[in-house]
Amino acid sequence: MYDPSEMAPLPKERLGEGTLGTLFKVVLECGSIITLRKIRDGLVKSKDFECWISFFGGVRDVCLVPIHFCFWYGGEAFVLYEYYCLGSLEELLHGSEGMQFTPLNWGIRQRIALCAAMAIASIHSRITKSGESLICGVIKSSNILIRVDFSACLSGYETPYLVSPATIIRRNSSRVAPELTYTHNRPQVFTQKSDVYSFGVLLLELITGKKPAMTNLGKYVEESKKKEGLKGIYDKRVADVKESVVEMIGIAESCLLHNPNERPSMDRVVQMIQGLEE
């Protein structure tokens, strides 16, 4: 269906930069639109890259961005994904250069939180070919893509299998669990419980409208509670905040517990979000 020799030379519109490389919007000659990622030079080895993309290309779930295939062209590696015209949660939540946006209402934020939780739970329910449980590595708003009905799906779940933990942690230090940053000479290893912590950061980002890279969200919530109570926590741009925001803060705090063993599973997080009142 797709010919790499025709795709690679086509004009590309830059969408953003991620741990794996640069994302582009590409309009094919047939009129279809795709998302193409150019992998950073020297980041991946050919055999590992093709093996893992083939594996994740076979992972299908409505909450996951489909990975179609990868290819090499002119000594450069590319991955082909589905295109989403509304872009990422990061863009809709914080805006982007040259883009005007209306702040997401609380109902949409709650729906996106549920979709993201279901996506992570779906990854956690699967195993590698060697029988190891899958993990996501880091969950961030730039990897949550939004459909036209404001449901959401997760991208970037292949990243921890192509890039070293140290590189991912260094690039996303505000989103990773404390056990990954204070290892006391132990290997840095992502786990499903470190994914839960990272999801807790995403929840606070949805609730507060603040960027984790600019604000320590855990401390922000704690200090805002002391100064103004719960009303000091949520995004002031949201006019329709429901009672469920209080419960969502509680869910986020349970995900952010310092002890990994005390954090809920993602299946449990999904149940808790589903139990919130509309």
Protein backbone atom coordinates (compact mmCIF):
# COMPACT_ATOMS: atom_id res chain seq x y z
CA MET A 1 0.00 0.00 0.00
CA TYR A 2 2.85 2.41 0.84
CA ASP A 3 6.02 2.67 -1.22
CA PRO A 4 8.96 3.94 0.91
CA SER A 5 10.78 5.25 -2.17
CA GLU A 6 7.77 7.46 -2.92
CA MET A 7 7.10 8.55 0.69
CA ALA A 8 10.57 9.57 1.83
CA PRO A 9 11.14 12.34 -0.78
CA LEU A 10 7.64 13.89 -0.38
CA PRO A 11 7.31 17.35 1.24
CA LYS A 12 6.95 17.09 5.02
CA GLU A 13 5.37 19.36 7.62
CA ARG A 14 7.17 19.14 10.96
CA LEU A 15 4.80 18.21 13.80
CA GLY A 16 7.21 17.92 16.69
CA GLU A 17 10.27 16.32 18.25
CA GLY A 18 10.28 13.27 20.51
CA THR A 19 12.73 10.93 22.18
CA LEU A 20 12.80 8.70 19.10
CA GLY A 21 13.10 11.50 16.55
CA THR A 22 11.16 14.06 14.52
CA LEU A 23 7.50 13.62 13.54
CA PHE A 24 6.21 14.85 10.17
CA LYS A 25 2.84 15.16 8.50
CA VAL A 26 3.01 13.79 4.96
CA VAL A 27 0.33 14.07 2.27
CA LEU A 28 0.63 11.15 -0.11
CA GLU A 29 0.00 11.49 -3.84
CA CYS A 30 -3.28 9.59 -3.40
CA GLY A 31 -4.45 12.29 -0.96
CA SER A 32 -4.12 10.22 2.23
CA ILE A 33 -2.36 11.81 5.20
CA ILE A 34 0.11 9.91 7.37
CA THR A 35 2.45 10.63 10.27
CA LEU A 36 6.07 9.77 9.58
CA ARG A 37 8.78 9.65 12.22
CA LYS A 38 12.41 10.03 11.21
CA ILE A 39 14.46 8.16 13.80
CA ARG A 40 17.43 10.00 15.29
CA ASP A 41 20.71 9.10 13.61
CA GLY A 42 22.55 6.33 15.44
CA LEU A 43 19.73 5.75 17.93
CA VAL A 44 18.65 2.28 16.88
CA LYS A 45 20.20 -0.88 15.49
CA SER A 46 18.65 -2.23 12.33
CA LYS A 47 17.80 -5.72 13.61
CA ASP A 48 16.36 -4.58 16.97
CA PHE A 49 14.47 -1.72 15.37
CA GLU A 50 12.74 -3.85 12.76
CA CYS A 51 12.00 -6.63 15.26
CA TRP A 52 10.32 -4.35 17.80
CA ILE A 53 8.36 -2.32 15.23
CA SER A 54 7.10 -5.59 13.73
CA PHE A 55 6.08 -6.75 17.22
CA PHE A 56 4.26 -3.53 18.15
CA GLY A 57 2.74 -3.34 14.67
CA GLY A 58 0.82 -6.46 15.65
CA VAL A 59 -0.54 -4.85 18.83
CA ARG A 60 -4.03 -3.61 18.12
CA ASP A 61 -6.39 -1.74 20.45
CA VAL A 62 -8.78 1.16 19.90
CA CYS A 63 -6.87 3.08 22.62
CA LEU A 64 -3.47 2.67 20.91
CA VAL A 65 -2.15 4.56 17.89
CA PRO A 66 -1.55 1.92 15.20
CA ILE A 67 2.04 1.44 14.06
CA HIS A 68 1.87 0.49 10.39
CA PHE A 69 5.46 -0.37 9.53
CA CYS A 70 9.07 0.86 9.43
CA PHE A 71 11.54 1.22 6.62
CA TRP A 72 15.04 2.40 5.79
CA TYR A 73 15.71 4.94 3.05
CA GLY A 74 19.02 6.55 2.22
CA GLY A 75 20.55 5.13 5.42
CA GLU A 76 17.80 6.71 7.57
CA ALA A 77 15.11 4.88 9.57
CA PHE A 78 11.43 5.83 9.45
CA VAL A 79 8.23 4.65 11.16
CA LEU A 80 4.77 5.14 9.70
CA TYR A 81 1.78 5.90 11.98
CA GLU A 82 -1.83 6.94 11.62
CA TYR A 83 -2.41 10.71 11.43
CA TYR A 84 -4.68 12.59 13.89
CA CYS A 85 -5.76 16.05 12.77
CA LEU A 86 -6.40 17.43 16.29
CA GLY A 87 -2.84 16.63 17.31
CA SER A 88 -1.77 15.87 20.86
CA LEU A 89 -3.16 16.55 24.31
CA GLU A 90 -0.11 18.75 24.94
CA GLU A 91 -1.14 21.06 22.08
CA LEU A 92 -4.80 21.19 23.12
CA LEU A 93 -3.96 21.71 26.79
CA HIS A 94 -1.13 24.22 26.51
CA GLY A 95 -1.40 25.55 22.96
CA SER A 96 1.32 25.63 20.35
CA GLU A 97 2.95 28.31 18.26
CA GLY A 98 0.54 29.82 15.76
CA MET A 99 -2.43 27.81 17.03
CA GLN A 100 -5.44 29.26 18.79
CA PHE A 101 -7.42 26.94 21.03
CA THR A 102 -10.33 26.82 23.44
CA PRO A 103 -9.49 25.37 26.87
CA LEU A 104 -10.71 21.79 27.21
CA ASN A 105 -13.75 21.48 29.46
CA TRP A 106 -13.72 19.12 32.44
CA GLY A 107 -15.87 16.46 30.75
CA ILE A 108 -13.41 16.16 27.88
CA ARG A 109 -10.42 16.07 30.25
CA GLN A 110 -12.07 13.28 32.22
CA ARG A 111 -12.75 11.33 29.03
CA ILE A 112 -9.16 11.73 27.88
CA ALA A 113 -7.92 10.54 31.28
CA LEU A 114 -10.04 7.40 30.98
CA CYS A 115 -8.88 6.68 27.42
CA ALA A 116 -5.23 7.13 28.44
CA ALA A 117 -5.66 4.86 31.46
CA MET A 118 -7.30 2.19 29.30
CA ALA A 119 -4.45 2.43 26.79
CA ILE A 120 -1.80 1.89 29.47
CA ALA A 121 -3.81 -0.97 30.99
CA SER A 122 -3.98 -2.54 27.53
CA ILE A 123 -0.19 -2.39 27.19
CA HIS A 124 0.22 -3.82 30.71
CA SER A 125 -2.01 -6.78 29.83
CA ARG A 126 0.41 -7.95 27.13
CA ILE A 127 3.78 -9.69 27.17
CA THR A 128 6.88 -9.70 24.97
CA LYS A 129 7.89 -12.73 22.94
CA SER A 130 10.14 -13.71 25.84
CA GLY A 131 7.22 -13.57 28.30
CA GLU A 132 7.98 -10.26 30.04
CA SER A 133 5.15 -7.86 30.89
CA LEU A 134 5.05 -4.78 28.66
CA ILE A 135 5.63 -1.29 30.01
CA CYS A 136 5.19 2.22 28.53
CA GLY A 137 8.24 3.93 30.05
CA VAL A 138 6.94 7.48 30.30
CA ILE A 139 3.38 8.69 29.78
CA LYS A 140 3.29 12.28 28.55
CA SER A 141 0.72 14.59 27.03
CA SER A 142 2.60 14.85 23.72
CA ASN A 143 2.04 11.09 23.28
CA ILE A 144 -1.71 11.27 23.91
CA LEU A 145 -3.32 11.90 20.51
CA ILE A 146 -6.86 13.20 20.19
CA ARG A 147 -9.54 12.02 17.77
CA VAL A 148 -12.24 14.31 16.39
CA ASP A 149 -14.73 13.02 19.00
CA PHE A 150 -12.20 13.92 21.73
CA SER A 151 -11.49 10.32 22.62
CA ALA A 152 -7.78 9.70 23.00
CA CYS A 153 -5.19 7.10 22.12
CA LEU A 154 -1.60 6.45 23.21
CA SER A 155 1.46 6.69 20.98
CA GLY A 156 5.14 6.18 21.74
CA TYR A 157 4.67 2.89 23.58
CA GLU A 158 7.46 1.33 21.54
CA THR A 159 10.02 3.86 22.83
CA PRO A 160 11.36 2.00 25.93
CA TYR A 161 12.22 -0.98 23.72
CA LEU A 162 14.28 1.12 21.32
CA VAL A 163 15.93 3.68 23.62
CA SER A 164 17.89 3.19 26.85
CA PRO A 165 16.12 3.99 30.15
CA ALA A 166 18.83 6.52 31.01
CA THR A 167 18.11 8.53 27.85
CA ILE A 168 14.34 8.49 28.39
CA ILE A 169 14.69 9.48 32.06
CA ARG A 170 17.10 12.31 31.24
CA ARG A 171 14.68 13.74 28.67
CA ASN A 172 11.59 13.33 30.89
CA SER A 173 12.85 13.80 34.44
CA SER A 174 9.68 15.59 35.61
CA ARG A 175 7.49 12.65 34.64
CA VAL A 176 9.35 9.63 36.01
CA ALA A 177 8.93 7.83 39.32
CA PRO A 178 11.37 8.64 42.15
CA GLU A 179 12.73 5.09 42.21
CA LEU A 180 14.07 5.71 38.70
CA THR A 181 15.97 8.88 39.59
CA TYR A 182 17.43 7.65 42.90
CA THR A 183 18.72 4.19 42.07
CA HIS A 184 21.83 4.12 44.33
CA ASN A 185 23.91 2.50 41.58
CA ARG A 186 21.16 0.00 40.73
CA PRO A 187 20.13 -0.33 37.07
CA GLN A 188 17.35 2.02 36.00
CA VAL A 189 14.45 -0.26 35.07
CA PHE A 190 10.96 0.85 34.09
CA THR A 191 8.14 -1.13 35.68
CA GLN A 192 4.36 -1.12 35.43
CA LYS A 193 4.28 0.70 38.79
CA SER A 194 6.62 3.40 37.45
CA ASP A 195 4.14 3.75 34.56
CA VAL A 196 1.38 4.30 37.15
CA TYR A 197 3.41 7.13 38.70
CA SER A 198 3.95 8.74 35.30
CA PHE A 199 0.20 8.52 34.64
CA GLY A 200 -0.40 10.29 37.97
CA VAL A 201 1.70 13.20 36.69
CA LEU A 202 -0.42 13.25 33.52
CA LEU A 203 -3.59 13.41 35.63
CA LEU A 204 -2.28 16.42 37.55
CA GLU A 205 -1.37 18.05 34.24
CA LEU A 206 -4.98 17.57 33.08
CA ILE A 207 -6.37 18.88 36.37
CA THR A 208 -4.08 21.89 36.84
CA GLY A 209 -3.33 22.83 33.24
CA LYS A 210 0.32 23.22 34.27
CA LYS A 211 3.32 21.78 32.41
CA PRO A 212 5.30 19.22 34.47
CA ALA A 213 8.53 20.46 32.92
CA MET A 214 7.84 23.96 34.27
CA THR A 215 6.15 23.12 37.60
CA ASN A 216 6.63 20.38 40.19
CA LEU A 217 2.98 19.36 40.10
CA GLY A 218 3.06 17.35 43.33
CA LYS A 219 4.37 20.35 45.29
CA TYR A 220 2.05 22.72 43.40
CA VAL A 221 -1.01 20.70 44.44
CA GLU A 222 0.19 20.47 48.03
CA GLU A 223 0.88 24.21 48.33
CA SER A 224 -2.33 25.20 46.51
CA LYS A 225 -4.36 23.05 48.90
CA LYS A 226 -2.85 24.87 51.89
CA LYS A 227 -3.42 28.34 50.43
CA GLU A 228 -6.81 28.06 48.70
CA GLY A 229 -8.13 24.55 49.29
CA LEU A 230 -9.17 22.36 46.38
CA LYS A 231 -10.33 25.35 44.31
CA GLY A 232 -6.71 26.47 44.10
CA ILE A 233 -5.65 23.30 42.32
CA TYR A 234 -7.70 22.98 39.16
CA ASP A 235 -7.12 24.89 35.92
CA LYS A 236 -8.72 28.35 36.28
CA ARG A 237 -9.61 28.34 32.57
CA VAL A 238 -12.15 25.54 33.17
CA ALA A 239 -15.57 26.96 34.00
CA ASP A 240 -17.50 23.71 34.37
CA VAL A 241 -15.49 21.89 37.03
CA LYS A 242 -17.51 19.03 38.50
CA GLU A 243 -17.31 17.36 41.93
CA SER A 244 -15.45 14.51 40.21
CA VAL A 245 -12.32 16.70 40.05
CA VAL A 246 -11.88 16.12 43.80
CA GLU A 247 -11.98 12.37 43.28
CA MET A 248 -9.64 12.65 40.29
CA ILE A 249 -7.10 14.46 42.47
CA GLY A 250 -7.36 11.55 44.91
CA ILE A 251 -6.72 9.07 42.08
CA ALA A 252 -3.67 11.07 40.98
CA GLU A 253 -2.32 11.14 44.53
CA SER A 254 -2.68 7.35 44.85
CA CYS A 255 -0.72 6.94 41.59
CA LEU A 256 2.01 9.24 42.94
CA LEU A 257 2.64 7.37 46.18
CA HIS A 258 6.37 7.14 46.90
CA ASN A 259 6.30 3.39 47.54
CA PRO A 260 5.71 1.61 44.19
CA ASN A 261 3.99 -1.31 45.91
CA GLU A 262 1.31 1.00 47.31
CA ARG A 263 0.33 2.39 43.91
CA PRO A 264 -2.76 0.86 42.27
CA SER A 265 -2.57 -1.22 39.11
CA MET A 266 -3.69 0.47 35.89
CA ASP A 267 -6.70 -1.86 35.77
CA ARG A 268 -7.71 -0.48 39.17
CA VAL A 269 -7.09 3.10 38.00
CA VAL A 270 -9.41 2.50 35.03
CA GLN A 271 -12.11 1.25 37.42
CA MET A 272 -11.70 4.30 39.66
CA ILE A 273 -12.00 6.77 36.77
CA GLN A 274 -15.01 4.90 35.38
CA GLY A 275 -16.62 5.20 38.81
CA LEU A 276 -16.47 9.02 38.82
CA GLU A 277 -19.75 10.85 38.56
CA GLU A 278 -20.31 12.70 35.31
